[in-house]
PDB file of N, CA and C in Angstrom:
ATOM      1  N   MET A   1       4.484   9.510 -32.437  1.00  0.00           N
ATOM      2  CA  MET A   1       5.305   8.900 -31.421  1.00  0.00           C
ATOM      3  C   MET A   1       4.446   8.658 -30.179  1.00  0.00           C
ATOM      4  N   ASN A   2       4.541   7.471 -29.631  1.00  0.00           N
ATOM      5  CA  ASN A   2       3.782   7.119 -28.440  1.00  0.00           C
ATOM      6  C   ASN A   2       4.440   7.708 -27.197  1.00  0.00           C
ATOM      7  N   LYS A   3       3.610   8.098 -26.262  1.00  0.00           N
ATOM      8  CA  LYS A   3       4.110   8.610 -25.000  1.00  0.00           C
ATOM      9  C   LYS A   3       4.512   7.418 -24.127  1.00  0.00           C
ATOM     10  N   ILE A   4       5.707   7.488 -23.567  1.00  0.00           N
ATOM     11  CA  ILE A   4       6.204   6.413 -22.708  1.00  0.00           C
ATOM     12  C   ILE A   4       5.909   6.797 -21.266  1.00  0.00           C
ATOM     13  N   THR A   5       5.229   5.923 -20.564  1.00  0.00           N
ATOM     14  CA  THR A   5       4.926   6.199 -19.163  1.00  0.00           C
ATOM     15  C   THR A   5       5.998   5.579 -18.279  1.00  0.00           C
ATOM     16  N   PHE A   6       6.216   6.202 -17.129  1.00  0.00           N
ATOM     17  CA  PHE A   6       7.194   5.677 -16.195  1.00  0.00           C
ATOM     18  C   PHE A   6       6.796   6.040 -14.779  1.00  0.00           C
ATOM     19  N   ASN A   7       7.348   5.324 -13.852  1.00  0.00           N
ATOM     20  CA  ASN A   7       7.116   5.554 -12.436  1.00  0.00           C
ATOM     21  C   ASN A   7       8.306   6.342 -11.889  1.00  0.00           C
ATOM     22  N   ARG A   8       8.053   7.570 -11.484  1.00  0.00           N
ATOM     23  CA  ARG A   8       9.109   8.460 -11.010  1.00  0.00           C
ATOM     24  C   ARG A   8       9.873   7.848  -9.832  1.00  0.00           C
ATOM     25  N   LEU A   9       9.157   7.236  -8.900  1.00  0.00           N
ATOM     26  CA  LEU A   9       9.821   6.637  -7.741  1.00  0.00           C
ATOM     27  C   LEU A   9      10.710   5.470  -8.142  1.00  0.00           C
ATOM     28  N   ARG A  10      10.263   4.692  -9.119  1.00  0.00           N
ATOM     29  CA  ARG A  10      11.082   3.563  -9.604  1.00  0.00           C
ATOM     30  C   ARG A  10      12.353   4.084 -10.269  1.00  0.00           C
ATOM     31  N   LEU A  11      12.218   5.158 -11.045  1.00  0.00           N
ATOM     32  CA  LEU A  11      13.406   5.760 -11.656  1.00  0.00           C
ATOM     33  C   LEU A  11      14.370   6.258 -10.579  1.00  0.00           C
ATOM     34  N   LEU A  12      13.829   6.872  -9.555  1.00  0.00           N
ATOM     35  CA  LEU A  12      14.657   7.376  -8.467  1.00  0.00           C
ATOM     36  C   LEU A  12      15.370   6.237  -7.737  1.00  0.00           C
ATOM     37  N   GLU A  13      14.707   5.118  -7.553  1.00  0.00           N
ATOM     38  CA  GLU A  13      15.339   3.943  -6.939  1.00  0.00           C
ATOM     39  C   GLU A  13      16.514   3.465  -7.791  1.00  0.00           C
ATOM     40  N   THR A  14      16.317   3.465  -9.095  1.00  0.00           N
ATOM     41  CA  THR A  14      17.390   3.048 -10.005  1.00  0.00           C
ATOM     42  C   THR A  14      18.566   4.001  -9.908  1.00  0.00           C
ATOM     43  N   ILE A  15      18.289   5.298  -9.869  1.00  0.00           N
ATOM     44  CA  ILE A  15      19.353   6.293  -9.742  1.00  0.00           C
ATOM     45  C   ILE A  15      20.110   6.082  -8.437  1.00  0.00           C
ATOM     46  N   LYS A  16      19.397   5.835  -7.353  1.00  0.00           N
ATOM     47  CA  LYS A  16      20.049   5.609  -6.060  1.00  0.00           C
ATOM     48  C   LYS A  16      20.940   4.374  -6.091  1.00  0.00           C
ATOM     49  N   LYS A  17      20.506   3.336  -6.799  1.00  0.00           N
ATOM     50  CA  LYS A  17      21.334   2.128  -6.921  1.00  0.00           C
ATOM     51  C   LYS A  17      22.623   2.452  -7.670  1.00  0.00           C
ATOM     52  N   GLY A  18      22.502   3.181  -8.767  1.00  0.00           N
ATOM     53  CA  GLY A  18      23.688   3.581  -9.520  1.00  0.00           C
ATOM     54  C   GLY A  18      24.611   4.461  -8.698  1.00  0.00           C
ATOM     55  N   LEU A  19      24.029   5.361  -7.909  1.00  0.00           N
ATOM     56  CA  LEU A  19      24.822   6.238  -7.055  1.00  0.00           C
ATOM     57  C   LEU A  19      25.582   5.437  -6.013  1.00  0.00           C
ATOM     58  N   GLN A  20      24.937   4.440  -5.409  1.00  0.00           N
ATOM     59  CA  GLN A  20      25.625   3.590  -4.441  1.00  0.00           C
ATOM     60  C   GLN A  20      26.799   2.862  -5.100  1.00  0.00           C
ATOM     61  N   ASN A  21      26.600   2.401  -6.330  1.00  0.00           N
ATOM     62  CA  ASN A  21      27.692   1.737  -7.056  1.00  0.00           C
ATOM     63  C   ASN A  21      28.827   2.716  -7.352  1.00  0.00           C
ATOM     64  N   GLU A  22      28.470   3.962  -7.628  1.00  0.00           N
ATOM     65  CA  GLU A  22      29.488   4.977  -7.879  1.00  0.00           C
ATOM     66  C   GLU A  22      30.279   5.273  -6.598  1.00  0.00           C
ATOM     67  N   TYR A  23      29.583   5.412  -5.477  1.00  0.00           N
ATOM     68  CA  TYR A  23      30.272   5.600  -4.200  1.00  0.00           C
ATOM     69  C   TYR A  23      31.219   4.434  -3.921  1.00  0.00           C
ATOM     70  N   THR A  24      30.762   3.228  -4.191  1.00  0.00           N
ATOM     71  CA  THR A  24      31.596   2.042  -3.976  1.00  0.00           C
ATOM     72  C   THR A  24      32.867   2.114  -4.808  1.00  0.00           C
ATOM     73  N   LYS A  25      32.737   2.535  -6.049  1.00  0.00           N
ATOM     74  CA  LYS A  25      33.911   2.665  -6.924  1.00  0.00           C
ATOM     75  C   LYS A  25      34.902   3.656  -6.335  1.00  0.00           C
ATOM     76  N   TYR A  26      34.419   4.819  -5.927  1.00  0.00           N
ATOM     77  CA  TYR A  26      35.312   5.841  -5.392  1.00  0.00           C
ATOM     78  C   TYR A  26      35.943   5.407  -4.074  1.00  0.00           C
ATOM     79  N   LEU A  27      35.173   4.733  -3.220  1.00  0.00           N
ATOM     80  CA  LEU A  27      35.737   4.223  -1.975  1.00  0.00           C
ATOM     81  C   LEU A  27      36.802   3.164  -2.247  1.00  0.00           C
ATOM     82  N   SER A  28      36.572   2.334  -3.253  1.00  0.00           N
ATOM     83  CA  SER A  28      37.561   1.309  -3.625  1.00  0.00           C
ATOM     84  C   SER A  28      38.852   1.951  -4.106  1.00  0.00           C
ATOM     85  N   GLU A  29      38.722   3.030  -4.872  1.00  0.00           N
ATOM     86  CA  GLU A  29      39.911   3.744  -5.344  1.00  0.00           C
ATOM     87  C   GLU A  29      40.686   4.330  -4.169  1.00  0.00           C
ATOM     88  N   THR A  30      39.965   4.845  -3.183  1.00  0.00           N
ATOM     89  CA  THR A  30      40.604   5.389  -1.989  1.00  0.00           C
ATOM     90  C   THR A  30      41.280   4.276  -1.195  1.00  0.00           C
ATOM     91  N   GLU A  31      40.630   3.126  -1.120  1.00  0.00           N
ATOM     92  CA  GLU A  31      41.213   1.987  -0.407  1.00  0.00           C
ATOM     93  C   GLU A  31      42.520   1.540  -1.057  1.00  0.00           C
ATOM     94  N   VAL A  32      42.603   1.594  -2.378  1.00  0.00           N
ATOM     95  CA  VAL A  32      43.845   1.231  -3.071  1.00  0.00           C
ATOM     96  C   VAL A  32      44.969   2.175  -2.649  1.00  0.00           C
ATOM     97  N   ILE A  33      44.671   3.458  -2.551  1.00  0.00           N
ATOM     98  CA  ILE A  33      45.674   4.437  -2.108  1.00  0.00           C
ATOM     99  C   ILE A  33      46.157   4.090  -0.706  1.00  0.00           C
ATOM    100  N   LEU A  34      45.224   3.748   0.178  1.00  0.00           N
ATOM    101  CA  LEU A  34      45.589   3.411   1.557  1.00  0.00           C
ATOM    102  C   LEU A  34      46.375   2.102   1.630  1.00  0.00           C
ATOM    103  N   GLN A  35      46.030   1.133   0.807  1.00  0.00           N
ATOM    104  CA  GLN A  35      46.781  -0.129   0.787  1.00  0.00           C
ATOM    105  C   GLN A  35      48.216   0.105   0.335  1.00  0.00           C
ATOM    106  N   GLU A  36      48.390   0.943  -0.682  1.00  0.00           N
ATOM    107  CA  GLU A  36      49.743   1.259  -1.144  1.00  0.00           C
ATOM    108  C   GLU A  36      50.523   1.979  -0.053  1.00  0.00           C
ATOM    109  N   TRP A  37      49.855   2.860   0.686  1.00  0.00           N
ATOM    110  CA  TRP A  37      50.487   3.576   1.793  1.00  0.00           C
ATOM    111  C   TRP A  37      50.983   2.586   2.848  1.00  0.00           C
ATOM    112  N   ARG A  38      50.145   1.627   3.194  1.00  0.00           N
ATOM    113  CA  ARG A  38      50.538   0.632   4.202  1.00  0.00           C
ATOM    114  C   ARG A  38      51.691  -0.236   3.706  1.00  0.00           C
ATOM    115  N   LYS A  39      51.612  -0.616   2.450  1.00  0.00           N
ATOM    116  CA  LYS A  39      52.608  -1.527   1.876  1.00  0.00           C
ATOM    117  C   LYS A  39      53.959  -0.832   1.691  1.00  0.00           C
ATOM    118  N   GLU A  40      53.938   0.395   1.223  1.00  0.00           N
ATOM    119  CA  GLU A  40      55.178   1.084   0.872  1.00  0.00           C
ATOM    120  C   GLU A  40      55.680   2.023   1.957  1.00  0.00           C
ATOM    121  N   ALA A  41      54.952   2.134   3.046  1.00  0.00           N
ATOM    122  CA  ALA A  41      55.333   2.986   4.177  1.00  0.00           C
ATOM    123  C   ALA A  41      55.658   4.410   3.732  1.00  0.00           C
ATOM    124  N   LYS A  42      54.780   4.967   2.916  1.00  0.00           N
ATOM    125  CA  LYS A  42      54.954   6.349   2.470  1.00  0.00           C
ATOM    126  C   LYS A  42      54.650   7.295   3.627  1.00  0.00           C
ATOM    127  N   ASN A  43      55.070   8.535   3.474  1.00  0.00           N
ATOM    128  CA  ASN A  43      54.771   9.544   4.487  1.00  0.00           C
ATOM    129  C   ASN A  43      53.267   9.748   4.586  1.00  0.00           C
ATOM    130  N   SER A  44      52.784   9.747   5.801  1.00  0.00           N
ATOM    131  CA  SER A  44      51.349   9.872   6.034  1.00  0.00           C
ATOM    132  C   SER A  44      50.788  11.183   5.508  1.00  0.00           C
ATOM    133  N   ASP A  45      51.532  12.272   5.648  1.00  0.00           N
ATOM    134  CA  ASP A  45      51.008  13.553   5.199  1.00  0.00           C
ATOM    135  C   ASP A  45      50.816  13.595   3.690  1.00  0.00           C
ATOM    136  N   GLU A  46      51.719  12.963   2.958  1.00  0.00           N
ATOM    137  CA  GLU A  46      51.583  12.923   1.496  1.00  0.00           C
ATOM    138  C   GLU A  46      50.360  12.093   1.088  1.00  0.00           C
ATOM    139  N   VAL A  47      50.194  10.960   1.722  1.00  0.00           N
ATOM    140  CA  VAL A  47      49.078  10.075   1.405  1.00  0.00           C
ATOM    141  C   VAL A  47      47.761  10.725   1.820  1.00  0.00           C
ATOM    142  N   PHE A  48      47.770  11.410   2.940  1.00  0.00           N
ATOM    143  CA  PHE A  48      46.579  12.115   3.396  1.00  0.00           C
ATOM    144  C   PHE A  48      46.126  13.122   2.339  1.00  0.00           C
ATOM    145  N   ASP A  49      47.078  13.858   1.786  1.00  0.00           N
ATOM    146  CA  ASP A  49      46.749  14.829   0.740  1.00  0.00           C
ATOM    147  C   ASP A  49      46.191  14.146  -0.506  1.00  0.00           C
ATOM    148  N   VAL A  50      46.755  13.004  -0.857  1.00  0.00           N
ATOM    149  CA  VAL A  50      46.267  12.254  -2.022  1.00  0.00           C
ATOM    150  C   VAL A  50      44.843  11.756  -1.777  1.00  0.00           C
ATOM    151  N   VAL A  51      44.591  11.252  -0.573  1.00  0.00           N
ATOM    152  CA  VAL A  51      43.245  10.770  -0.231  1.00  0.00           C
ATOM    153  C   VAL A  51      42.253  11.927  -0.265  1.00  0.00           C
ATOM    154  N   LEU A  52      42.616  13.056   0.315  1.00  0.00           N
ATOM    155  CA  LEU A  52      41.723  14.218   0.292  1.00  0.00           C
ATOM    156  C   LEU A  52      41.414  14.653  -1.141  1.00  0.00           C
ATOM    157  N   LYS A  53      42.417  14.653  -1.974  1.00  0.00           N
ATOM    158  CA  LYS A  53      42.211  15.026  -3.379  1.00  0.00           C
ATOM    159  C   LYS A  53      41.275  14.027  -4.058  1.00  0.00           C
ATOM    160  N   GLN A  54      41.476  12.740  -3.772  1.00  0.00           N
ATOM    161  CA  GLN A  54      40.620  11.695  -4.338  1.00  0.00           C
ATOM    162  C   GLN A  54      39.171  11.899  -3.911  1.00  0.00           C
ATOM    163  N   VAL A  55      38.964  12.140  -2.633  1.00  0.00           N
ATOM    164  CA  VAL A  55      37.611  12.338  -2.116  1.00  0.00           C
ATOM    165  C   VAL A  55      37.003  13.601  -2.721  1.00  0.00           C
ATOM    166  N   HIS A  56      37.777  14.665  -2.788  1.00  0.00           N
ATOM    167  CA  HIS A  56      37.285  15.922  -3.354  1.00  0.00           C
ATOM    168  C   HIS A  56      36.877  15.743  -4.818  1.00  0.00           C
ATOM    169  N   ASN A  57      37.722  15.098  -5.606  1.00  0.00           N
ATOM    170  CA  ASN A  57      37.405  14.879  -7.025  1.00  0.00           C
ATOM    171  C   ASN A  57      36.187  13.971  -7.194  1.00  0.00           C
ATOM    172  N   SER A  58      36.081  12.964  -6.334  1.00  0.00           N
ATOM    173  CA  SER A  58      34.929  12.069  -6.387  1.00  0.00           C
ATOM    174  C   SER A  58      33.651  12.829  -6.067  1.00  0.00           C
ATOM    175  N   LYS A  59      33.708  13.657  -5.055  1.00  0.00           N
ATOM    176  CA  LYS A  59      32.539  14.448  -4.662  1.00  0.00           C
ATOM    177  C   LYS A  59      32.127  15.403  -5.784  1.00  0.00           C
ATOM    178  N   LYS A  60      33.102  16.002  -6.450  1.00  0.00           N
ATOM    179  CA  LYS A  60      32.798  16.892  -7.575  1.00  0.00           C
ATOM    180  C   LYS A  60      32.071  16.136  -8.686  1.00  0.00           C
ATOM    181  N   GLN A  61      32.543  14.924  -8.986  1.00  0.00           N
ATOM    182  CA  GLN A  61      31.901  14.112 -10.015  1.00  0.00           C
ATOM    183  C   GLN A  61      30.454  13.812  -9.647  1.00  0.00           C
ATOM    184  N   ILE A  62      30.251  13.441  -8.393  1.00  0.00           N
ATOM    185  CA  ILE A  62      28.910  13.090  -7.931  1.00  0.00           C
ATOM    186  C   ILE A  62      28.000  14.319  -7.952  1.00  0.00           C
ATOM    187  N   LEU A  63      28.488  15.436  -7.464  1.00  0.00           N
ATOM    188  CA  LEU A  63      27.675  16.654  -7.475  1.00  0.00           C
ATOM    189  C   LEU A  63      27.327  17.086  -8.893  1.00  0.00           C
ATOM    190  N   ARG A  64      28.288  16.982  -9.794  1.00  0.00           N
ATOM    191  CA  ARG A  64      28.047  17.354 -11.183  1.00  0.00           C
ATOM    192  C   ARG A  64      26.890  16.552 -11.775  1.00  0.00           C
ATOM    193  N   LYS A  65      26.857  15.293 -11.453  1.00  0.00           N
ATOM    194  CA  LYS A  65      25.860  14.413 -12.044  1.00  0.00           C
ATOM    195  C   LYS A  65      24.503  14.475 -11.348  1.00  0.00           C
ATOM    196  N   TYR A  66      24.507  14.634 -10.021  1.00  0.00           N
ATOM    197  CA  TYR A  66      23.261  14.436  -9.278  1.00  0.00           C
ATOM    198  C   TYR A  66      22.680  15.691  -8.622  1.00  0.00           C
ATOM    199  N   ALA A  67      23.431  16.742  -8.485  1.00  0.00           N
ATOM    200  CA  ALA A  67      22.982  17.892  -7.694  1.00  0.00           C
ATOM    201  C   ALA A  67      21.707  18.536  -8.228  1.00  0.00           C
ATOM    202  N   HIS A  68      21.552  18.605  -9.512  1.00  0.00           N
ATOM    203  CA  HIS A  68      20.404  19.294 -10.090  1.00  0.00           C
ATOM    204  C   HIS A  68      19.494  18.337 -10.841  1.00  0.00           C
ATOM    205  N   SER A  69      19.401  17.133 -10.339  1.00  0.00           N
ATOM    206  CA  SER A  69      18.576  16.135 -11.012  1.00  0.00           C
ATOM    207  C   SER A  69      17.097  16.388 -10.746  1.00  0.00           C
ATOM    208  N   LYS A  70      16.422  16.795 -11.777  1.00  0.00           N
ATOM    209  CA  LYS A  70      14.973  16.958 -11.723  1.00  0.00           C
ATOM    210  C   LYS A  70      14.353  15.739 -12.384  1.00  0.00           C
ATOM    211  N   THR A  71      13.082  15.547 -12.148  1.00  0.00           N
ATOM    212  CA  THR A  71      12.395  14.401 -12.741  1.00  0.00           C
ATOM    213  C   THR A  71      12.599  14.358 -14.244  1.00  0.00           C
ATOM    214  N   SER A  72      12.615  15.504 -14.882  1.00  0.00           N
ATOM    215  CA  SER A  72      12.780  15.550 -16.334  1.00  0.00           C
ATOM    216  C   SER A  72      14.158  15.067 -16.782  1.00  0.00           C
ATOM    217  N   LYS A  73      15.121  14.993 -15.856  1.00  0.00           N
ATOM    218  CA  LYS A  73      16.487  14.561 -16.185  1.00  0.00           C
ATOM    219  C   LYS A  73      16.780  13.130 -15.741  1.00  0.00           C
ATOM    220  N   TYR A  74      15.822  12.469 -15.104  1.00  0.00           N
ATOM    221  CA  TYR A  74      16.065  11.130 -14.566  1.00  0.00           C
ATOM    222  C   TYR A  74      16.550  10.144 -15.632  1.00  0.00           C
ATOM    223  N   LEU A  75      15.937  10.171 -16.795  1.00  0.00           N
ATOM    224  CA  LEU A  75      16.353   9.230 -17.852  1.00  0.00           C
ATOM    225  C   LEU A  75      17.783   9.509 -18.289  1.00  0.00           C
ATOM    226  N   ASN A  76      18.159  10.773 -18.343  1.00  0.00           N
ATOM    227  CA  ASN A  76      19.530  11.122 -18.712  1.00  0.00           C
ATOM    228  C   ASN A  76      20.522  10.626 -17.664  1.00  0.00           C
ATOM    229  N   VAL A  77      20.166  10.779 -16.394  1.00  0.00           N
ATOM    230  CA  VAL A  77      21.053  10.321 -15.316  1.00  0.00           C
ATOM    231  C   VAL A  77      21.208   8.803 -15.375  1.00  0.00           C
ATOM    232  N   ILE A  78      20.114   8.100 -15.527  1.00  0.00           N
ATOM    233  CA  ILE A  78      20.173   6.630 -15.604  1.00  0.00           C
ATOM    234  C   ILE A  78      20.974   6.195 -16.827  1.00  0.00           C
ATOM    235  N   SER A  79      20.795   6.877 -17.932  1.00  0.00           N
ATOM    236  CA  SER A  79      21.549   6.551 -19.145  1.00  0.00           C
ATOM    237  C   SER A  79      23.040   6.754 -18.934  1.00  0.00           C
ATOM    238  N   GLU A  80      23.395   7.828 -18.248  1.00  0.00           N
ATOM    239  CA  GLU A  80      24.801   8.085 -17.958  1.00  0.00           C
ATOM    240  C   GLU A  80      25.362   7.019 -17.012  1.00  0.00           C
ATOM    241  N   GLN A  81      24.590   6.642 -16.004  1.00  0.00           N
ATOM    242  CA  GLN A  81      25.027   5.583 -15.085  1.00  0.00           C
ATOM    243  C   GLN A  81      25.234   4.270 -15.837  1.00  0.00           C
ATOM    244  N   LEU A  82      24.336   3.978 -16.755  1.00  0.00           N
ATOM    245  CA  LEU A  82      24.447   2.756 -17.553  1.00  0.00           C
ATOM    246  C   LEU A  82      25.699   2.808 -18.424  1.00  0.00           C
ATOM    247  N   ALA A  83      25.920   3.935 -19.079  1.00  0.00           N
ATOM    248  CA  ALA A  83      27.089   4.086 -19.954  1.00  0.00           C
ATOM    249  C   ALA A  83      28.395   3.971 -19.180  1.00  0.00           C
ATOM    250  N   GLU A  84      28.394   4.441 -17.929  1.00  0.00           N
ATOM    251  CA  GLU A  84      29.612   4.420 -17.121  1.00  0.00           C
ATOM    252  C   GLU A  84      29.787   3.118 -16.348  1.00  0.00           C
ATOM    253  N   GLY A  85      28.833   2.204 -16.450  1.00  0.00           N
ATOM    254  CA  GLY A  85      28.956   0.908 -15.805  1.00  0.00           C
ATOM    255  C   GLY A  85      28.475   0.865 -14.367  1.00  0.00           C
ATOM    256  N   PHE A  86      27.806   1.911 -13.892  1.00  0.00           N
ATOM    257  CA  PHE A  86      27.285   1.911 -12.529  1.00  0.00           C
ATOM    258  C   PHE A  86      25.942   1.200 -12.449  1.00  0.00           C
ATOM    259  N   LEU A  87      25.329   0.985 -13.590  1.00  0.00           N
ATOM    260  CA  LEU A  87      24.110   0.180 -13.715  1.00  0.00           C
ATOM    261  C   LEU A  87      24.331  -0.810 -14.843  1.00  0.00           C
ATOM    262  N   SER A  88      23.562  -1.891 -14.816  1.00  0.00           N
ATOM    263  CA  SER A  88      23.611  -2.870 -15.898  1.00  0.00           C
ATOM    264  C   SER A  88      22.243  -2.912 -16.579  1.00  0.00           C
ATOM    265  N   ILE A  89      22.198  -3.550 -17.722  1.00  0.00           N
ATOM    266  CA  ILE A  89      20.924  -3.717 -18.433  1.00  0.00           C
ATOM    267  C   ILE A  89      19.924  -4.432 -17.519  1.00  0.00           C
ATOM    268  N   GLY A  90      20.403  -5.350 -16.708  1.00  0.00           N
ATOM    269  CA  GLY A  90      19.541  -6.081 -15.786  1.00  0.00           C
ATOM    270  C   GLY A  90      18.844  -5.179 -14.776  1.00  0.00           C
ATOM    271  N   ASP A  91      19.448  -4.057 -14.463  1.00  0.00           N
ATOM    272  CA  ASP A  91      18.825  -3.112 -13.540  1.00  0.00           C
ATOM    273  C   ASP A  91      17.594  -2.443 -14.149  1.00  0.00           C
ATOM    274  N   LEU A  92      17.414  -2.623 -15.441  1.00  0.00           N
ATOM    275  CA  LEU A  92      16.282  -2.020 -16.142  1.00  0.00           C
ATOM    276  C   LEU A  92      15.152  -3.020 -16.386  1.00  0.00           C
ATOM    277  N   ASP A  93      15.281  -4.226 -15.858  1.00  0.00           N
ATOM    278  CA  ASP A  93      14.310  -5.287 -16.135  1.00  0.00           C
ATOM    279  C   ASP A  93      12.878  -4.952 -15.737  1.00  0.00           C
ATOM    280  N   ASP A  94      12.695  -4.129 -14.726  1.00  0.00           N
ATOM    281  CA  ASP A  94      11.338  -3.785 -14.280  1.00  0.00           C
ATOM    282  C   ASP A  94      10.662  -2.741 -15.164  1.00  0.00           C
ATOM    283  N   TYR A  95      11.406  -2.187 -16.087  1.00  0.00           N
ATOM    284  CA  TYR A  95      10.853  -1.147 -16.956  1.00  0.00           C
ATOM    285  C   TYR A  95      10.203  -1.758 -18.191  1.00  0.00           C
ATOM    286  N   SER A  96       9.319  -0.997 -18.792  1.00  0.00           N
ATOM    287  CA  SER A  96       8.699  -1.449 -20.038  1.00  0.00           C
ATOM    288  C   SER A  96       9.773  -1.565 -21.116  1.00  0.00           C
ATOM    289  N   THR A  97       9.481  -2.357 -22.111  1.00  0.00           N
ATOM    290  CA  THR A  97      10.416  -2.536 -23.221  1.00  0.00           C
ATOM    291  C   THR A  97      10.736  -1.199 -23.879  1.00  0.00           C
ATOM    292  N   GLU A  98       9.727  -0.360 -24.042  1.00  0.00           N
ATOM    293  CA  GLU A  98       9.912   0.932 -24.692  1.00  0.00           C
ATOM    294  C   GLU A  98      10.831   1.834 -23.868  1.00  0.00           C
ATOM    295  N   LEU A  99      10.581   1.901 -22.562  1.00  0.00           N
ATOM    296  CA  LEU A  99      11.400   2.754 -21.704  1.00  0.00           C
ATOM    297  C   LEU A  99      12.827   2.236 -21.633  1.00  0.00           C
ATOM    298  N   LYS A 100      12.977   0.931 -21.526  1.00  0.00           N
ATOM    299  CA  LYS A 100      14.310   0.326 -21.494  1.00  0.00           C
ATOM    300  C   LYS A 100      15.079   0.673 -22.768  1.00  0.00           C
ATOM    301  N   GLN A 101      14.398   0.606 -23.915  1.00  0.00           N
ATOM    302  CA  GLN A 101      15.043   0.917 -25.189  1.00  0.00           C
ATOM    303  C   GLN A 101      15.487   2.377 -25.248  1.00  0.00           C
ATOM    304  N   VAL A 102      14.653   3.277 -24.758  1.00  0.00           N
ATOM    305  CA  VAL A 102      15.016   4.695 -24.732  1.00  0.00           C
ATOM    306  C   VAL A 102      16.266   4.909 -23.882  1.00  0.00           C
ATOM    307  N   ILE A 103      16.314   4.291 -22.716  1.00  0.00           N
ATOM    308  CA  ILE A 103      17.465   4.435 -21.823  1.00  0.00           C
ATOM    309  C   ILE A 103      18.727   3.878 -22.470  1.00  0.00           C
ATOM    310  N   ILE A 104      18.620   2.727 -23.099  1.00  0.00           N
ATOM    311  CA  ILE A 104      19.782   2.110 -23.760  1.00  0.00           C
ATOM    312  C   ILE A 104      20.279   2.993 -24.893  1.00  0.00           C
ATOM    313  N   GLU A 105      19.369   3.521 -25.697  1.00  0.00           N
ATOM    314  CA  GLU A 105      19.772   4.397 -26.800  1.00  0.00           C
ATOM    315  C   GLU A 105      20.445   5.658 -26.277  1.00  0.00           C
ATOM    316  N   LEU A 106      19.909   6.244 -25.214  1.00  0.00           N
ATOM    317  CA  LEU A 106      20.542   7.429 -24.617  1.00  0.00           C
ATOM    318  C   LEU A 106      21.924   7.093 -24.082  1.00  0.00           C
ATOM    319  N   SER A 107      22.061   5.925 -23.462  1.00  0.00           N
ATOM    320  CA  SER A 107      23.364   5.545 -22.901  1.00  0.00           C
ATOM    321  C   SER A 107      24.395   5.328 -24.008  1.00  0.00           C
ATOM    322  N   GLU A 108      23.973   4.837 -25.141  1.00  0.00           N
ATOM    323  CA  GLU A 108      24.889   4.659 -26.267  1.00  0.00           C
ATOM    324  C   GLU A 108      25.372   6.016 -26.771  1.00  0.00           C
ATOM    325  N   LYS A 109      24.505   7.012 -26.768  1.00  0.00           N
ATOM    326  CA  LYS A 109      24.901   8.360 -27.179  1.00  0.00           C
ATOM    327  C   LYS A 109      25.873   8.960 -26.171  1.00  0.00           C
ATOM    328  N   VAL A 110      25.649   8.711 -24.883  1.00  0.00           N
ATOM    329  CA  VAL A 110      26.540   9.213 -23.835  1.00  0.00           C
ATOM    330  C   VAL A 110      27.918   8.579 -23.993  1.00  0.00           C
ATOM    331  N   ALA A 111      27.950   7.304 -24.345  1.00  0.00           N
ATOM    332  CA  ALA A 111      29.218   6.569 -24.457  1.00  0.00           C
ATOM    333  C   ALA A 111      30.050   7.017 -25.649  1.00  0.00           C
ATOM    334  N   GLU A 112      29.433   7.640 -26.604  1.00  0.00           N
ATOM    335  CA  GLU A 112      30.150   8.051 -27.828  1.00  0.00           C
ATOM    336  C   GLU A 112      31.135   9.133 -27.585  1.00  0.00           C
TER     337      GLU A 112
END
C-alpha cells in the first residue's frame, strides 16, 4: 500500500470550512425558531428556553466532533463533514486523487 501524503494545514482549512457550514446550519435552525416566535406571538420565556436548548444541543454536537481533533483524526473529521453535507466533493478538489478517494470511502462508511 502506498503512503498518501497530505498537507496538515490544508486539511485544517477544510475542517474549518465544514465547521463554519455547521455553525450556519445551527444558526439557521435557531432563526427558524425565532421567526415562528415572531409570527405566532408565543411567550418569550418559552421560546427563550427552546433557543437555549437548541444552542446547547448544537454546541454539544460541535464539541463531540471537534474538541479532540488531532492531526491523526483529520481525515475522519473531514469524512464525517462530507457525509453530513457540511462539505462537498468540490471542497476536496485541491487534494490528490488518492487522498480524495480515501476521504470519500471513509465518508461512505460514516453514512452507513
